[in-house]
Amino acid sequence: MEKSVLVIGGTGYLGGKVIDDLLRRGVRVSAMVREGSPAKALEAKDVRIVRGDLTRAITLLPVLKDMDAVISTAIGYSQRKKGDSLQSVDDAGNRNLVDAIKQSSVKRFVFTSILTADKAVNVPHFHQKKLIEDYMDEKGISYVSLRPGAFLDQNPARDQLAISLKQGKIKAIGSDSAKWTYILTEDLARYLATAAIDETIPPGKIDIGMTEPLNAEMIAQFATEYTGKPVKVSTTSWFVMNTMFSFIGFFKPFMKDMKNMFVYFLSGDYVADTSLQKKYFGDVPTVKDSLFRYFEQIGLKEKQ
């Protein structure tokens, strides 16, 4: 029987890739979109649009009706819309969703968490994911929580790494040798889609990443190999970045969170254990394969 899957966050960069992956598999896809948010691009793909809002609990139960599974990639801390915040969406909104799923007939919930969310107590938008995992445990719902590393690629409008690479350089923050786990969004999207429709994947938390952690030096080396042209690495001192984050943090509180995030990255603790990823999703993407796919994606010219 064809499955029905609801995607929450489908108008975002990751959510859009999840929807495309589900459609390629012949899944009936619905996307929950807030009132006032455009949905024409999704409708053009024959995605069913349902209107709902994580911050308005009353809207959630109706959109869950007749859904076999739900995938959530929604975040509020990036403040895509006025009123979005870590508190309103990532905390209260996700709790609203968990409560609604508890009352519904939905059998599978796939939650997009963050790698080592349980350890990152000083990074609020990381640790918040752990708090929601705890809330799901408390409520007794069945869920698969994928915990990805940092996204290698970003929305093209904000991909600073792509801009730098096209100029033949990379700027590292604090250290060019510190390593942490990355993942391509297309790979994470595939795993999210698989977790929603493959009932052999048991409930639980699964780290998601590449075969090994990555640093700026490695990115530059593989970019040089891919293009045949040298890619230079420069490092902005942590003293300079820390001062900047602290100053801007007076006006934009989220920058304090970002500062703590980079401190955590540099600690060496942001590294995935990919054993469960390999068990349930197959071979873990290698660093070289992931980077070469990324370089092709952003339009770097490959050497002949």
Protein backbone atom coordinates (compact mmCIF):
# COMPACT_ATOMS: atom_id res chain seq x y z
CA MET A 1 0.00 0.00 0.00
CA GLU A 2 1.25 3.50 -0.88
CA LYS A 3 2.32 5.34 2.24
CA SER A 4 1.23 8.83 3.24
CA VAL A 5 3.95 10.98 4.80
CA LEU A 6 3.61 14.48 6.22
CA VAL A 7 6.70 16.71 6.07
CA ILE A 8 6.92 19.61 8.51
CA GLY A 9 9.48 22.18 7.37
CA GLY A 10 9.05 21.30 3.70
CA THR A 11 9.54 24.87 2.48
CA GLY A 12 13.09 24.88 3.90
CA TYR A 13 16.31 23.74 2.23
CA LEU A 14 16.52 20.33 3.92
CA GLY A 15 12.76 19.77 3.96
CA GLY A 16 12.54 20.38 0.23
CA LYS A 17 15.15 17.70 -0.41
CA VAL A 18 13.25 15.28 1.84
CA ILE A 19 10.08 15.88 -0.17
CA ASP A 20 11.89 15.31 -3.47
CA ASP A 21 13.33 12.04 -2.18
CA LEU A 22 9.92 10.81 -1.01
CA LEU A 23 8.32 11.72 -4.34
CA ARG A 24 10.97 9.72 -6.22
CA ARG A 25 9.90 6.71 -4.14
CA GLY A 26 6.24 7.11 -5.09
CA VAL A 27 5.14 8.18 -1.61
CA ARG A 28 2.03 10.33 -1.16
CA VAL A 29 3.52 13.50 0.31
CA SER A 30 1.78 16.23 2.27
CA ALA A 31 3.54 19.35 3.53
CA MET A 32 2.42 21.37 6.52
CA VAL A 33 2.78 25.05 5.64
CA ARG A 34 1.89 28.04 7.78
CA GLU A 35 -0.86 30.42 6.71
CA GLY A 36 0.62 33.16 4.60
CA SER A 37 3.67 31.13 3.56
CA PRO A 38 3.93 30.45 -0.20
CA ALA A 39 3.47 26.86 -1.33
CA LYS A 40 3.19 27.11 -5.13
CA ALA A 41 6.55 25.39 -5.71
CA LEU A 42 5.39 22.39 -3.68
CA GLU A 43 1.95 22.33 -5.28
CA ALA A 44 3.64 22.22 -8.69
CA LYS A 45 5.19 18.91 -7.60
CA ASP A 46 1.75 17.53 -6.68
CA VAL A 47 2.48 17.81 -2.98
CA ARG A 48 -0.68 18.14 -0.90
CA ILE A 49 -0.59 21.32 1.17
CA VAL A 50 -2.11 21.37 4.64
CA ARG A 51 -2.11 24.52 6.74
CA GLY A 52 -0.82 24.30 10.26
CA ASP A 53 1.58 25.96 12.68
CA LEU A 54 3.71 24.36 15.38
CA THR A 55 3.12 27.35 17.62
CA ARG A 56 -0.67 26.93 17.38
CA ALA A 57 -1.43 23.56 18.97
CA ILE A 58 -5.06 23.58 17.79
CA THR A 59 -3.95 23.35 14.15
CA LEU A 60 -1.86 20.19 14.49
CA LEU A 61 -4.18 17.27 15.15
CA PRO A 62 -6.25 17.82 11.96
CA VAL A 63 -3.19 17.75 9.68
CA LEU A 64 -2.03 14.43 11.17
CA LYS A 65 -5.21 12.63 10.14
CA ASP A 66 -4.62 9.59 7.89
CA MET A 67 -0.82 10.00 7.97
CA ASP A 68 1.34 6.88 8.20
CA ALA A 69 4.42 8.86 9.17
CA VAL A 70 5.60 12.37 9.98
CA ILE A 71 9.02 13.88 9.29
CA SER A 72 9.97 17.16 10.96
CA THR A 73 12.86 19.31 9.75
CA ALA A 74 11.38 22.54 11.16
CA ILE A 75 13.50 24.97 13.14
CA GLY A 76 12.69 28.33 14.68
CA TYR A 77 16.06 29.62 15.85
CA SER A 78 16.95 30.77 12.31
CA GLN A 79 13.94 33.13 12.50
CA ARG A 80 12.62 32.71 8.97
CA LYS A 81 9.38 34.40 10.02
CA LYS A 82 8.53 37.10 12.55
CA GLY A 83 7.89 35.49 15.93
CA ASP A 84 10.08 32.45 15.27
CA SER A 85 12.52 31.66 18.05
CA LEU A 86 14.15 28.81 19.90
CA GLN A 87 11.47 29.12 22.57
CA SER A 88 8.40 29.47 20.34
CA VAL A 89 9.17 26.83 17.71
CA ASP A 90 11.99 24.51 18.79
CA ASP A 91 10.70 24.19 22.34
CA ALA A 92 6.97 24.96 22.64
CA GLY A 93 6.22 24.15 18.99
CA ASN A 94 7.89 20.75 19.07
CA ARG A 95 6.17 19.91 22.34
CA ASN A 96 2.85 20.80 20.71
CA LEU A 97 3.68 18.44 17.86
CA VAL A 98 4.65 15.60 20.20
CA ASP A 99 1.39 16.04 22.12
CA ALA A 100 -0.61 15.95 18.88
CA ILE A 101 1.19 12.83 17.64
CA LYS A 102 0.46 11.17 20.97
CA GLN A 103 -3.26 11.76 20.37
CA SER A 104 -3.18 10.72 16.70
CA SER A 105 -2.92 7.42 14.85
CA VAL A 106 0.54 8.24 13.43
CA LYS A 107 2.82 5.24 13.85
CA ARG A 108 6.21 6.68 12.84
CA PHE A 109 7.69 10.04 13.72
CA VAL A 110 11.10 11.00 12.34
CA PHE A 111 12.71 13.89 14.15
CA THR A 112 15.70 15.89 12.89
CA SER A 113 17.94 16.32 15.91
CA ILE A 114 21.61 17.38 16.17
CA LEU A 115 24.75 15.33 16.71
CA THR A 116 25.74 14.90 20.37
CA ALA A 117 22.81 17.08 21.45
CA ASP A 118 23.04 15.49 24.89
CA LYS A 119 26.63 16.75 25.38
CA ALA A 120 26.25 20.29 24.02
CA VAL A 121 24.67 21.76 27.15
CA ASN A 122 26.19 25.19 26.48
CA VAL A 123 24.81 25.43 22.93
CA PRO A 124 21.08 26.16 23.38
CA HIS A 125 19.90 25.29 19.86
CA PHE A 126 21.79 21.97 20.06
CA HIS A 127 20.72 21.03 23.58
CA GLN A 128 17.09 21.92 22.81
CA LYS A 129 16.94 18.88 20.53
CA LYS A 130 17.91 16.66 23.46
CA LEU A 131 15.16 18.23 25.56
CA ILE A 132 12.59 17.33 22.90
CA GLU A 133 13.96 13.77 22.72
CA ASP A 134 13.48 13.61 26.49
CA TYR A 135 9.93 14.90 26.09
CA MET A 136 9.14 12.22 23.49
CA ASP A 137 10.44 9.58 25.90
CA GLU A 138 8.31 11.06 28.66
CA LYS A 139 5.20 10.99 26.48
CA GLY A 140 5.92 7.47 25.27
CA ILE A 141 5.70 8.08 21.53
CA SER A 142 7.62 5.96 19.03
CA TYR A 143 10.23 8.00 17.19
CA VAL A 144 13.43 7.81 15.18
CA SER A 145 15.74 10.73 15.91
CA LEU A 146 18.46 11.32 13.34
CA ARG A 147 21.38 13.31 14.77
CA PRO A 148 23.34 14.82 11.86
CA GLY A 149 26.62 16.66 11.99
CA ALA A 150 27.12 20.11 10.48
CA PHE A 151 25.69 20.62 7.00
CA LEU A 152 28.46 20.74 4.41
CA ASP A 153 26.17 22.53 1.97
CA GLN A 154 23.79 25.38 2.72
CA ASN A 155 21.00 27.20 0.95
CA PRO A 156 22.86 28.65 -2.09
CA ALA A 157 21.91 32.18 -1.03
CA ARG A 158 23.89 31.74 2.22
CA ASP A 159 26.64 29.26 1.32
CA GLN A 160 29.78 31.16 2.32
CA LEU A 161 31.99 28.10 1.82
CA ALA A 162 30.88 27.87 -1.82
CA ILE A 163 31.63 31.55 -2.38
CA SER A 164 35.12 31.16 -0.90
CA LEU A 165 35.94 28.00 -2.82
CA LYS A 166 35.05 29.67 -6.10
CA GLN A 167 37.65 32.30 -5.19
CA GLY A 168 40.25 29.61 -4.51
CA LYS A 169 40.35 30.00 -0.75
CA ILE A 170 38.88 28.85 2.55
CA LYS A 171 38.70 30.85 5.76
CA ALA A 172 38.74 28.75 8.93
CA ILE A 173 37.43 30.04 12.25
CA GLY A 174 39.78 29.51 15.17
CA SER A 175 41.64 26.54 13.71
CA ASP A 176 42.28 25.03 10.28
CA SER A 177 43.10 21.63 11.78
CA ALA A 178 40.23 21.06 14.25
CA LYS A 179 37.92 18.33 12.96
CA TRP A 180 34.21 17.79 13.36
CA THR A 181 31.51 15.78 11.58
CA TYR A 182 29.77 17.02 8.46
CA ILE A 183 27.02 15.64 6.22
CA LEU A 184 25.57 16.56 2.82
CA THR A 185 21.91 17.53 3.09
CA GLU A 186 20.96 15.22 0.22
CA ASP A 187 22.30 12.27 2.22
CA LEU A 188 20.48 13.32 5.38
CA ALA A 189 17.29 13.85 3.34
CA ARG A 190 17.56 10.30 2.01
CA TYR A 191 17.99 8.89 5.51
CA LEU A 192 15.02 10.88 6.84
CA ALA A 193 12.82 9.59 4.02
CA THR A 194 14.02 6.03 4.53
CA ALA A 195 13.39 6.18 8.28
CA ALA A 196 9.81 7.28 7.63
CA ILE A 197 8.88 4.40 5.34
CA ASP A 198 11.16 1.54 6.42
CA GLU A 199 9.50 -0.05 9.42
CA THR A 200 12.49 -2.33 10.04
CA ILE A 201 14.40 0.67 11.41
CA PRO A 202 13.64 0.58 15.13
CA PRO A 203 12.87 3.60 17.32
CA GLY A 204 15.92 5.33 18.74
CA LYS A 205 18.67 7.86 18.11
CA ILE A 206 21.08 7.51 15.19
CA ASP A 207 24.23 9.60 14.61
CA ILE A 208 24.61 10.77 11.01
CA GLY A 209 27.85 11.79 9.33
CA MET A 210 30.65 10.85 6.96
CA THR A 211 33.23 8.12 7.47
CA GLU A 212 35.47 10.55 9.34
CA PRO A 213 35.40 14.11 10.69
CA LEU A 214 36.59 16.92 8.45
CA ASN A 215 38.55 20.17 8.75
CA ALA A 216 39.42 23.16 6.58
CA GLU A 217 42.78 21.71 5.55
CA MET A 218 41.09 18.57 4.21
CA ILE A 219 38.48 20.57 2.31
CA ALA A 220 41.25 22.61 0.68
CA GLN A 221 43.25 19.47 -0.22
CA PHE A 222 40.29 17.78 -1.89
CA ALA A 223 39.25 21.01 -3.64
CA THR A 224 42.77 21.28 -5.01
CA GLU A 225 42.60 17.68 -6.22
CA TYR A 226 39.16 18.26 -7.79
CA THR A 227 40.00 21.49 -9.61
CA GLY A 228 43.72 21.02 -10.21
CA LYS A 229 44.25 24.50 -8.78
CA PRO A 230 45.65 25.35 -5.34
CA VAL A 231 43.10 26.33 -2.71
CA LYS A 232 44.54 28.40 0.11
CA VAL A 233 43.52 28.20 3.77
CA SER A 234 43.59 31.18 6.09
CA THR A 235 42.58 31.22 9.74
CA THR A 236 40.79 33.96 11.62
CA SER A 237 42.04 33.91 15.19
CA TRP A 238 39.59 32.84 17.85
CA PHE A 239 40.36 36.02 19.80
CA VAL A 240 39.05 38.11 16.89
CA MET A 241 35.99 35.91 16.32
CA ASN A 242 35.20 35.71 20.04
CA THR A 243 35.33 39.51 20.30
CA MET A 244 33.06 39.88 17.28
CA PHE A 245 30.54 37.30 18.50
CA SER A 246 30.48 38.90 21.96
CA PHE A 247 29.94 42.41 20.58
CA ILE A 248 27.19 41.45 18.13
CA GLY A 249 25.64 39.34 20.87
CA PHE A 250 24.63 42.51 22.70
CA PHE A 251 22.28 43.30 19.81
CA LYS A 252 21.48 39.82 18.53
CA PRO A 253 21.31 37.30 21.41
CA PHE A 254 21.47 34.34 19.01
CA MET A 255 25.11 35.25 18.26
CA LYS A 256 26.01 34.15 21.79
CA ASP A 257 24.62 30.74 20.86
CA MET A 258 26.72 30.75 17.68
CA LYS A 259 29.85 31.60 19.67
CA ASN A 260 29.22 28.66 21.99
CA MET A 261 28.62 26.46 18.95
CA PHE A 262 32.07 27.19 17.53
CA VAL A 263 33.67 26.66 20.94
CA TYR A 264 31.98 23.26 20.97
CA PHE A 265 33.12 22.47 17.42
CA LEU A 266 36.71 23.24 18.38
CA SER A 267 36.47 20.95 21.44
CA GLY A 268 36.69 17.80 19.32
CA ASP A 269 33.48 16.34 20.82
CA TYR A 270 31.31 16.93 17.73
CA VAL A 271 32.08 13.58 16.11
CA ALA A 272 29.60 10.93 14.96
CA ASP A 273 29.57 7.23 15.76
CA THR A 274 28.29 6.02 12.37
CA SER A 275 27.86 2.35 13.28
CA LEU A 276 24.05 2.54 13.43
CA GLN A 277 23.97 4.70 10.31
CA LYS A 278 25.80 1.96 8.42
CA LYS A 279 23.59 -0.75 9.90
CA TYR A 280 20.29 0.85 8.86
CA PHE A 281 21.17 2.97 5.81
CA GLY A 282 24.11 1.18 4.18
CA ASP A 283 27.61 2.38 3.42
CA VAL A 284 28.51 5.64 5.12
CA PRO A 285 29.50 8.40 2.66
CA THR A 286 33.23 8.95 2.45
CA VAL A 287 34.75 12.39 2.84
CA LYS A 288 36.10 12.40 -0.72
CA ASP A 289 32.82 11.30 -2.31
CA SER A 290 30.82 13.81 -0.28
CA LEU A 291 33.17 16.68 -1.07
CA PHE A 292 33.35 15.87 -4.77
CA ARG A 293 29.55 15.77 -4.95
CA TYR A 294 29.46 19.11 -3.14
CA PHE A 295 32.00 20.66 -5.49
CA GLU A 296 29.94 19.52 -8.48
CA GLN A 297 26.78 20.86 -6.82
CA ILE A 298 28.20 24.36 -6.34
CA GLY A 299 29.67 24.49 -9.83
CA LEU A 300 33.40 24.19 -9.22
CA LYS A 301 35.15 23.38 -12.47
CA GLU A 302 36.65 19.89 -12.40
CA LYS A 303 40.12 19.44 -13.88
CA GLN A 304 40.25 17.66 -17.22
